[in-house]
Amino acid sequence: MIKKEKVGVLFSGGKDSCLALFEVGKENVDVLLSIIPKSKDSWMFHKPNVKLLKKQAEMLGVELITQESKSGKEKELKELKKLISKSKINKLVVGGLASNYQGNRIKKICEELGVEFIAPLWSYSSKQLWKELLDNNFKIIITKISCEGLGKEFIGKIIDKERFKELEELEKKYRFRLDFEGGEAETSVLHMPGFKKEIKVEYGVESEGSYRHFIKIKKIN
């Protein structure tokens, strides 16, 4: 008997993991795997809003498996290994870009578990990444900011082509990474090809000093 391949996507609900899912095709994905860090900041992972994450999985119509993780590089890697093992997947799709610290660590875990590592965005530049997202009508909001140059007015706003031009101008001035791979910001996707409908959120903004801002989601529809 030929064993059926089981494909999982390491899924935060952010722009990179959603685009990776889009690139491999939702119809080829069996399960979404999500690490939920307990703290606001994580060495390895984007911290999703759990209710929003579940809503995204519902809109995609794909099973979601989550795993809580304590902070600390080795603890997070241990929890990821546990999550991949219990999902019983043969292939793992990730949204990491080339030379991405997270992507290289995940690849090593996959090799240890005999799981094929798939990174469809591995060679993408920041501009190519955003071009794919905007050309395919992804509706993306910024949910966390941790750098100088991005004001809290960006929190919760959909990044359309006009707002992306603003981001490009700010990136030139403040020298942050436009793809946010350095932890400058985190995102969530409210709509993409394959969603049953667009997610709507009501939210506030929480700030910690001048350069750290977080979305506080009050209601999800």
C-alpha atoms as a PDB file:
ATOM      1  CA  MET A   1       0.000   0.000   0.000  1.00  0.00           C
ATOM      2  CA  ILE A   2       1.305   3.453  -0.921  1.00  0.00           C
ATOM      3  CA  LYS A   3       1.311   5.772   2.067  1.00  0.00           C
ATOM      4  CA  LYS A   4      -0.613   8.969   1.418  1.00  0.00           C
ATOM      5  CA  GLU A   5       1.406  12.128   1.870  1.00  0.00           C
ATOM      6  CA  LYS A   6       0.202  14.396   4.647  1.00  0.00           C
ATOM      7  CA  VAL A   7       1.149  18.045   4.182  1.00  0.00           C
ATOM      8  CA  GLY A   8       1.222  20.594   6.983  1.00  0.00           C
ATOM      9  CA  VAL A   9       1.822  24.345   6.912  1.00  0.00           C
ATOM     10  CA  LEU A  10       3.573  26.043   9.829  1.00  0.00           C
ATOM     11  CA  PHE A  11       0.905  28.677  10.220  1.00  0.00           C
ATOM     12  CA  SER A  12       0.875  31.920  12.191  1.00  0.00           C
ATOM     13  CA  GLY A  13      -1.863  33.560  10.115  1.00  0.00           C
ATOM     14  CA  GLY A  14       0.658  36.201   9.045  1.00  0.00           C
ATOM     15  CA  LYS A  15       1.584  37.264   5.526  1.00  0.00           C
ATOM     16  CA  ASP A  16       4.471  34.813   5.029  1.00  0.00           C
ATOM     17  CA  SER A  17       2.747  31.618   6.154  1.00  0.00           C
ATOM     18  CA  CYS A  18      -0.432  32.558   4.260  1.00  0.00           C
ATOM     19  CA  LEU A  19       1.514  33.263   1.072  1.00  0.00           C
ATOM     20  CA  ALA A  20       3.418  29.978   1.445  1.00  0.00           C
ATOM     21  CA  LEU A  21       0.074  28.167   1.766  1.00  0.00           C
ATOM     22  CA  PHE A  22      -1.188  29.972  -1.339  1.00  0.00           C
ATOM     23  CA  GLU A  23       1.941  29.028  -3.307  1.00  0.00           C
ATOM     24  CA  VAL A  24       1.611  25.287  -2.608  1.00  0.00           C
ATOM     25  CA  GLY A  25      -2.174  25.353  -3.078  1.00  0.00           C
ATOM     26  CA  LYS A  26      -4.763  25.082  -0.311  1.00  0.00           C
ATOM     27  CA  GLU A  27      -6.112  21.906  -1.916  1.00  0.00           C
ATOM     28  CA  ASN A  28      -2.751  20.211  -1.224  1.00  0.00           C
ATOM     29  CA  VAL A  29      -2.688  21.098   2.486  1.00  0.00           C
ATOM     30  CA  ASP A  30      -4.069  18.731   5.143  1.00  0.00           C
ATOM     31  CA  VAL A  31      -3.363  20.590   8.357  1.00  0.00           C
ATOM     32  CA  LEU A  32      -2.220  23.930   9.784  1.00  0.00           C
ATOM     33  CA  LEU A  33       0.339  23.760  12.601  1.00  0.00           C
ATOM     34  CA  SER A  34       0.630  26.701  14.995  1.00  0.00           C
ATOM     35  CA  ILE A  35       2.944  27.389  17.910  1.00  0.00           C
ATOM     36  CA  ILE A  36       1.372  29.700  20.513  1.00  0.00           C
ATOM     37  CA  PRO A  37       4.114  31.463  22.547  1.00  0.00           C
ATOM     38  CA  LYS A  38       3.065  32.311  26.109  1.00  0.00           C
ATOM     39  CA  SER A  39       4.985  35.602  26.138  1.00  0.00           C
ATOM     40  CA  LYS A  40       4.529  38.646  23.884  1.00  0.00           C
ATOM     41  CA  ASP A  41       8.001  38.182  22.410  1.00  0.00           C
ATOM     42  CA  SER A  42       9.395  34.960  20.999  1.00  0.00           C
ATOM     43  CA  TRP A  43      12.817  33.944  19.680  1.00  0.00           C
ATOM     44  CA  MET A  44      11.311  31.848  16.896  1.00  0.00           C
ATOM     45  CA  PHE A  45       7.658  32.561  16.318  1.00  0.00           C
ATOM     46  CA  HIS A  46       5.098  35.222  15.534  1.00  0.00           C
ATOM     47  CA  LYS A  47       2.561  35.278  18.394  1.00  0.00           C
ATOM     48  CA  PRO A  48      -0.920  34.989  16.866  1.00  0.00           C
ATOM     49  CA  ASN A  49      -4.230  35.978  18.400  1.00  0.00           C
ATOM     50  CA  VAL A  50      -5.710  32.519  19.043  1.00  0.00           C
ATOM     51  CA  LYS A  51      -9.308  33.506  18.268  1.00  0.00           C
ATOM     52  CA  LEU A  52      -8.224  35.138  15.003  1.00  0.00           C
ATOM     53  CA  LEU A  53      -6.056  32.124  14.157  1.00  0.00           C
ATOM     54  CA  LYS A  54      -9.026  29.796  14.609  1.00  0.00           C
ATOM     55  CA  LYS A  55     -11.170  32.072  12.457  1.00  0.00           C
ATOM     56  CA  GLN A  56      -8.534  32.011   9.697  1.00  0.00           C
ATOM     57  CA  ALA A  57      -8.472  28.199   9.780  1.00  0.00           C
ATOM     58  CA  GLU A  58     -12.270  28.185   9.616  1.00  0.00           C
ATOM     59  CA  MET A  59     -12.234  30.516   6.598  1.00  0.00           C
ATOM     60  CA  LEU A  60      -9.700  28.239   4.883  1.00  0.00           C
ATOM     61  CA  GLY A  61     -11.579  25.078   5.840  1.00  0.00           C
ATOM     62  CA  VAL A  62      -8.345  23.383   7.007  1.00  0.00           C
ATOM     63  CA  GLU A  63      -7.759  21.587  10.322  1.00  0.00           C
ATOM     64  CA  LEU A  64      -5.720  23.531  12.885  1.00  0.00           C
ATOM     65  CA  ILE A  65      -3.419  21.933  15.483  1.00  0.00           C
ATOM     66  CA  THR A  66      -1.832  24.213  18.100  1.00  0.00           C
ATOM     67  CA  GLN A  67       0.937  23.821  20.659  1.00  0.00           C
ATOM     68  CA  GLU A  68       1.707  26.232  23.504  1.00  0.00           C
ATOM     69  CA  SER A  69       5.343  27.180  23.976  1.00  0.00           C
ATOM     70  CA  LYS A  70       7.310  28.787  26.793  1.00  0.00           C
ATOM     71  CA  SER A  71       9.871  31.438  25.831  1.00  0.00           C
ATOM     72  CA  GLY A  72      13.476  30.479  25.132  1.00  0.00           C
ATOM     73  CA  LYS A  73      15.089  29.211  21.944  1.00  0.00           C
ATOM     74  CA  GLU A  74      15.546  25.580  22.994  1.00  0.00           C
ATOM     75  CA  LYS A  75      12.117  25.332  24.645  1.00  0.00           C
ATOM     76  CA  GLU A  76      10.431  26.695  21.528  1.00  0.00           C
ATOM     77  CA  LEU A  77      12.302  24.253  19.286  1.00  0.00           C
ATOM     78  CA  LYS A  78      11.344  21.361  21.569  1.00  0.00           C
ATOM     79  CA  GLU A  79       7.649  22.333  21.363  1.00  0.00           C
ATOM     80  CA  LEU A  80       7.867  22.654  17.578  1.00  0.00           C
ATOM     81  CA  LYS A  81       9.371  19.168  17.310  1.00  0.00           C
ATOM     82  CA  LYS A  82       6.531  17.838  19.484  1.00  0.00           C
ATOM     83  CA  LEU A  83       3.939  19.579  17.295  1.00  0.00           C
ATOM     84  CA  ILE A  84       5.379  18.206  14.037  1.00  0.00           C
ATOM     85  CA  SER A  85       5.612  14.691  15.505  1.00  0.00           C
ATOM     86  CA  LYS A  86       2.030  14.558  16.783  1.00  0.00           C
ATOM     87  CA  SER A  87       0.644  15.894  13.490  1.00  0.00           C
ATOM     88  CA  LYS A  88       2.039  12.831  11.645  1.00  0.00           C
ATOM     89  CA  ILE A  89       2.869  14.861   8.546  1.00  0.00           C
ATOM     90  CA  ASN A  90       5.309  13.846   5.794  1.00  0.00           C
ATOM     91  CA  LYS A  91       5.906  17.362   4.478  1.00  0.00           C
ATOM     92  CA  LEU A  92       6.111  20.746   6.214  1.00  0.00           C
ATOM     93  CA  VAL A  93       5.582  24.031   4.353  1.00  0.00           C
ATOM     94  CA  VAL A  94       7.080  27.155   5.932  1.00  0.00           C
ATOM     95  CA  GLY A  95       7.022  30.829   4.990  1.00  0.00           C
ATOM     96  CA  GLY A  96      10.674  31.560   5.741  1.00  0.00           C
ATOM     97  CA  LEU A  97      12.837  33.575   3.352  1.00  0.00           C
ATOM     98  CA  ALA A  98      16.454  32.828   2.385  1.00  0.00           C
ATOM     99  CA  SER A  99      18.978  33.004   5.243  1.00  0.00           C
ATOM    100  CA  ASN A 100      16.104  33.208   7.712  1.00  0.00           C
ATOM    101  CA  TYR A 101      17.224  32.104  11.194  1.00  0.00           C
ATOM    102  CA  GLN A 102      13.866  30.523  11.934  1.00  0.00           C
ATOM    103  CA  GLY A 103      13.765  28.665   8.614  1.00  0.00           C
ATOM    104  CA  ASN A 104      17.179  27.084   9.080  1.00  0.00           C
ATOM    105  CA  ARG A 105      16.338  25.826  12.565  1.00  0.00           C
ATOM    106  CA  ILE A 106      13.032  24.361  11.370  1.00  0.00           C
ATOM    107  CA  LYS A 107      14.758  22.676   8.438  1.00  0.00           C
ATOM    108  CA  LYS A 108      17.113  20.913  10.849  1.00  0.00           C
ATOM    109  CA  ILE A 109      14.171  19.620  12.916  1.00  0.00           C
ATOM    110  CA  CYS A 110      12.489  18.317   9.760  1.00  0.00           C
ATOM    111  CA  GLU A 111      15.666  16.472   8.794  1.00  0.00           C
ATOM    112  CA  GLU A 112      15.782  14.850  12.236  1.00  0.00           C
ATOM    113  CA  LEU A 113      12.146  13.709  11.922  1.00  0.00           C
ATOM    114  CA  GLY A 114      12.372  12.583   8.296  1.00  0.00           C
ATOM    115  CA  VAL A 115       9.863  15.240   7.201  1.00  0.00           C
ATOM    116  CA  GLU A 116      10.334  17.005   3.873  1.00  0.00           C
ATOM    117  CA  PHE A 117      10.974  20.725   4.326  1.00  0.00           C
ATOM    118  CA  ILE A 118       9.276  22.991   1.752  1.00  0.00           C
ATOM    119  CA  ALA A 119       9.966  26.735   1.664  1.00  0.00           C
ATOM    120  CA  PRO A 120       8.282  28.229  -1.431  1.00  0.00           C
ATOM    121  CA  LEU A 121       9.344  31.794  -0.508  1.00  0.00           C
ATOM    122  CA  TRP A 122      13.002  30.920   0.168  1.00  0.00           C
ATOM    123  CA  SER A 123      14.423  33.001  -2.703  1.00  0.00           C
ATOM    124  CA  TYR A 124      11.978  35.919  -2.474  1.00  0.00           C
ATOM    125  CA  SER A 125      13.169  39.476  -1.997  1.00  0.00           C
ATOM    126  CA  SER A 126      11.124  41.834   0.192  1.00  0.00           C
ATOM    127  CA  LYS A 127       9.641  43.562  -2.854  1.00  0.00           C
ATOM    128  CA  GLN A 128       8.812  40.281  -4.590  1.00  0.00           C
ATOM    129  CA  LEU A 129       7.082  39.069  -1.442  1.00  0.00           C
ATOM    130  CA  TRP A 130       4.872  42.167  -1.220  1.00  0.00           C
ATOM    131  CA  LYS A 131       4.206  42.156  -4.972  1.00  0.00           C
ATOM    132  CA  GLU A 132       2.833  38.620  -4.747  1.00  0.00           C
ATOM    133  CA  LEU A 133       0.665  39.555  -1.777  1.00  0.00           C
ATOM    134  CA  LEU A 134      -0.745  42.744  -3.300  1.00  0.00           C
ATOM    135  CA  ASP A 135      -1.206  41.328  -6.812  1.00  0.00           C
ATOM    136  CA  ASN A 136      -3.235  38.446  -5.361  1.00  0.00           C
ATOM    137  CA  ASN A 137      -5.414  40.739  -3.235  1.00  0.00           C
ATOM    138  CA  PHE A 138      -4.310  39.594   0.208  1.00  0.00           C
ATOM    139  CA  LYS A 139      -5.799  41.793   2.922  1.00  0.00           C
ATOM    140  CA  ILE A 140      -3.040  42.198   5.498  1.00  0.00           C
ATOM    141  CA  ILE A 141      -2.996  44.147   8.744  1.00  0.00           C
ATOM    142  CA  ILE A 142      -0.044  44.942  11.005  1.00  0.00           C
ATOM    143  CA  THR A 143      -0.689  43.519  14.478  1.00  0.00           C
ATOM    144  CA  LYS A 144       2.581  44.369  16.242  1.00  0.00           C
ATOM    145  CA  ILE A 145       5.294  46.994  15.744  1.00  0.00           C
ATOM    146  CA  SER A 146       8.721  46.831  17.381  1.00  0.00           C
ATOM    147  CA  CYS A 147      10.886  49.358  15.567  1.00  0.00           C
ATOM    148  CA  GLU A 148      11.487  53.052  15.003  1.00  0.00           C
ATOM    149  CA  GLY A 149       9.792  54.556  11.980  1.00  0.00           C
ATOM    150  CA  LEU A 150       6.525  52.617  12.005  1.00  0.00           C
ATOM    151  CA  GLY A 151       3.966  54.640  13.937  1.00  0.00           C
ATOM    152  CA  LYS A 152       1.081  53.097  15.832  1.00  0.00           C
ATOM    153  CA  GLU A 153      -1.288  54.473  13.193  1.00  0.00           C
ATOM    154  CA  PHE A 154      -0.301  51.448  11.066  1.00  0.00           C
ATOM    155  CA  ILE A 155      -1.715  48.994  13.612  1.00  0.00           C
ATOM    156  CA  GLY A 156      -4.891  47.340  12.314  1.00  0.00           C
ATOM    157  CA  LYS A 157      -4.865  49.121   8.939  1.00  0.00           C
ATOM    158  CA  ILE A 158      -4.995  47.057   5.746  1.00  0.00           C
ATOM    159  CA  ILE A 159      -1.762  47.389   3.767  1.00  0.00           C
ATOM    160  CA  ASP A 160      -2.988  48.185   0.267  1.00  0.00           C
ATOM    161  CA  LYS A 161      -0.807  49.504  -2.560  1.00  0.00           C
ATOM    162  CA  GLU A 162      -0.985  53.094  -1.291  1.00  0.00           C
ATOM    163  CA  ARG A 163      -0.013  52.181   2.271  1.00  0.00           C
ATOM    164  CA  PHE A 164       2.746  49.978   0.919  1.00  0.00           C
ATOM    165  CA  LYS A 165       4.246  53.035  -0.798  1.00  0.00           C
ATOM    166  CA  GLU A 166       4.291  54.712   2.633  1.00  0.00           C
ATOM    167  CA  LEU A 167       6.092  51.677   4.057  1.00  0.00           C
ATOM    168  CA  GLU A 168       8.691  51.860   1.281  1.00  0.00           C
ATOM    169  CA  GLU A 169       9.392  55.521   2.042  1.00  0.00           C
ATOM    170  CA  LEU A 170       9.713  54.826   5.767  1.00  0.00           C
ATOM    171  CA  GLU A 171      11.999  51.846   5.095  1.00  0.00           C
ATOM    172  CA  LYS A 172      14.364  54.077   3.107  1.00  0.00           C
ATOM    173  CA  LYS A 173      14.487  56.598   5.958  1.00  0.00           C
ATOM    174  CA  TYR A 174      14.662  54.286   8.987  1.00  0.00           C
ATOM    175  CA  ARG A 175      16.377  51.237   7.442  1.00  0.00           C
ATOM    176  CA  PHE A 176      14.067  48.555   8.807  1.00  0.00           C
ATOM    177  CA  ARG A 177      13.436  45.393   6.771  1.00  0.00           C
ATOM    178  CA  LEU A 178      10.428  45.743   4.515  1.00  0.00           C
ATOM    179  CA  ASP A 179       9.601  42.052   4.922  1.00  0.00           C
ATOM    180  CA  PHE A 180       9.793  42.433   8.747  1.00  0.00           C
ATOM    181  CA  GLU A 181      12.099  39.403   8.980  1.00  0.00           C
ATOM    182  CA  GLY A 182      14.133  41.177  11.648  1.00  0.00           C
ATOM    183  CA  GLY A 183      11.143  41.296  14.001  1.00  0.00           C
ATOM    184  CA  GLU A 184      10.208  44.892  13.119  1.00  0.00           C
ATOM    185  CA  ALA A 185       6.522  44.023  12.849  1.00  0.00           C
ATOM    186  CA  GLU A 186       4.022  41.169  12.734  1.00  0.00           C
ATOM    187  CA  THR A 187       0.987  40.784  10.494  1.00  0.00           C
ATOM    188  CA  SER A 188      -2.286  38.905  10.115  1.00  0.00           C
ATOM    189  CA  VAL A 189      -4.234  38.112   6.959  1.00  0.00           C
ATOM    190  CA  LEU A 190      -7.956  38.920   6.923  1.00  0.00           C
ATOM    191  CA  HIS A 191      -8.567  37.677   3.397  1.00  0.00           C
ATOM    192  CA  MET A 192      -6.726  35.749   0.706  1.00  0.00           C
ATOM    193  CA  PRO A 193      -7.593  33.433  -2.189  1.00  0.00           C
ATOM    194  CA  GLY A 194      -9.245  30.395  -0.615  1.00  0.00           C
ATOM    195  CA  PHE A 195     -10.979  32.197   2.269  1.00  0.00           C
ATOM    196  CA  LYS A 196     -14.753  31.688   2.412  1.00  0.00           C
ATOM    197  CA  LYS A 197     -15.154  35.397   3.221  1.00  0.00           C
ATOM    198  CA  GLU A 198     -13.185  38.342   4.578  1.00  0.00           C
ATOM    199  CA  ILE A 199     -12.634  38.475   8.348  1.00  0.00           C
ATOM    200  CA  LYS A 200     -13.632  41.714  10.053  1.00  0.00           C
ATOM    201  CA  VAL A 201     -12.067  42.825  13.341  1.00  0.00           C
ATOM    202  CA  GLU A 202     -12.829  45.510  15.881  1.00  0.00           C
ATOM    203  CA  TYR A 203      -9.727  46.538  17.799  1.00  0.00           C
ATOM    204  CA  GLY A 204      -7.844  48.967  19.986  1.00  0.00           C
ATOM    205  CA  VAL A 205      -4.113  49.711  20.246  1.00  0.00           C
ATOM    206  CA  GLU A 206      -1.844  49.054  23.227  1.00  0.00           C
ATOM    207  CA  SER A 207       1.557  50.782  23.398  1.00  0.00           C
ATOM    208  CA  GLU A 208       4.706  50.114  25.406  1.00  0.00           C
ATOM    209  CA  GLY A 209       6.868  53.185  24.903  1.00  0.00           C
ATOM    210  CA  SER A 210       7.431  54.989  21.603  1.00  0.00           C
ATOM    211  CA  TYR A 211       8.310  52.060  19.366  1.00  0.00           C
ATOM    212  CA  ARG A 212       6.275  49.065  20.598  1.00  0.00           C
ATOM    213  CA  HIS A 213       2.614  48.828  19.690  1.00  0.00           C
ATOM    214  CA  PHE A 214       0.166  45.902  19.722  1.00  0.00           C
ATOM    215  CA  ILE A 215      -3.311  45.295  18.381  1.00  0.00           C
ATOM    216  CA  LYS A 216      -5.968  44.499  20.994  1.00  0.00           C
ATOM    217  CA  ILE A 217      -8.697  42.619  19.167  1.00  0.00           C
ATOM    218  CA  LYS A 218     -12.121  43.149  20.723  1.00  0.00           C
ATOM    219  CA  LYS A 219     -14.391  41.391  18.259  1.00  0.00           C
ATOM    220  CA  ILE A 220     -14.002  39.089  15.252  1.00  0.00           C
ATOM    221  CA  ASN A 221     -16.641  38.560  12.575  1.00  0.00           C
END
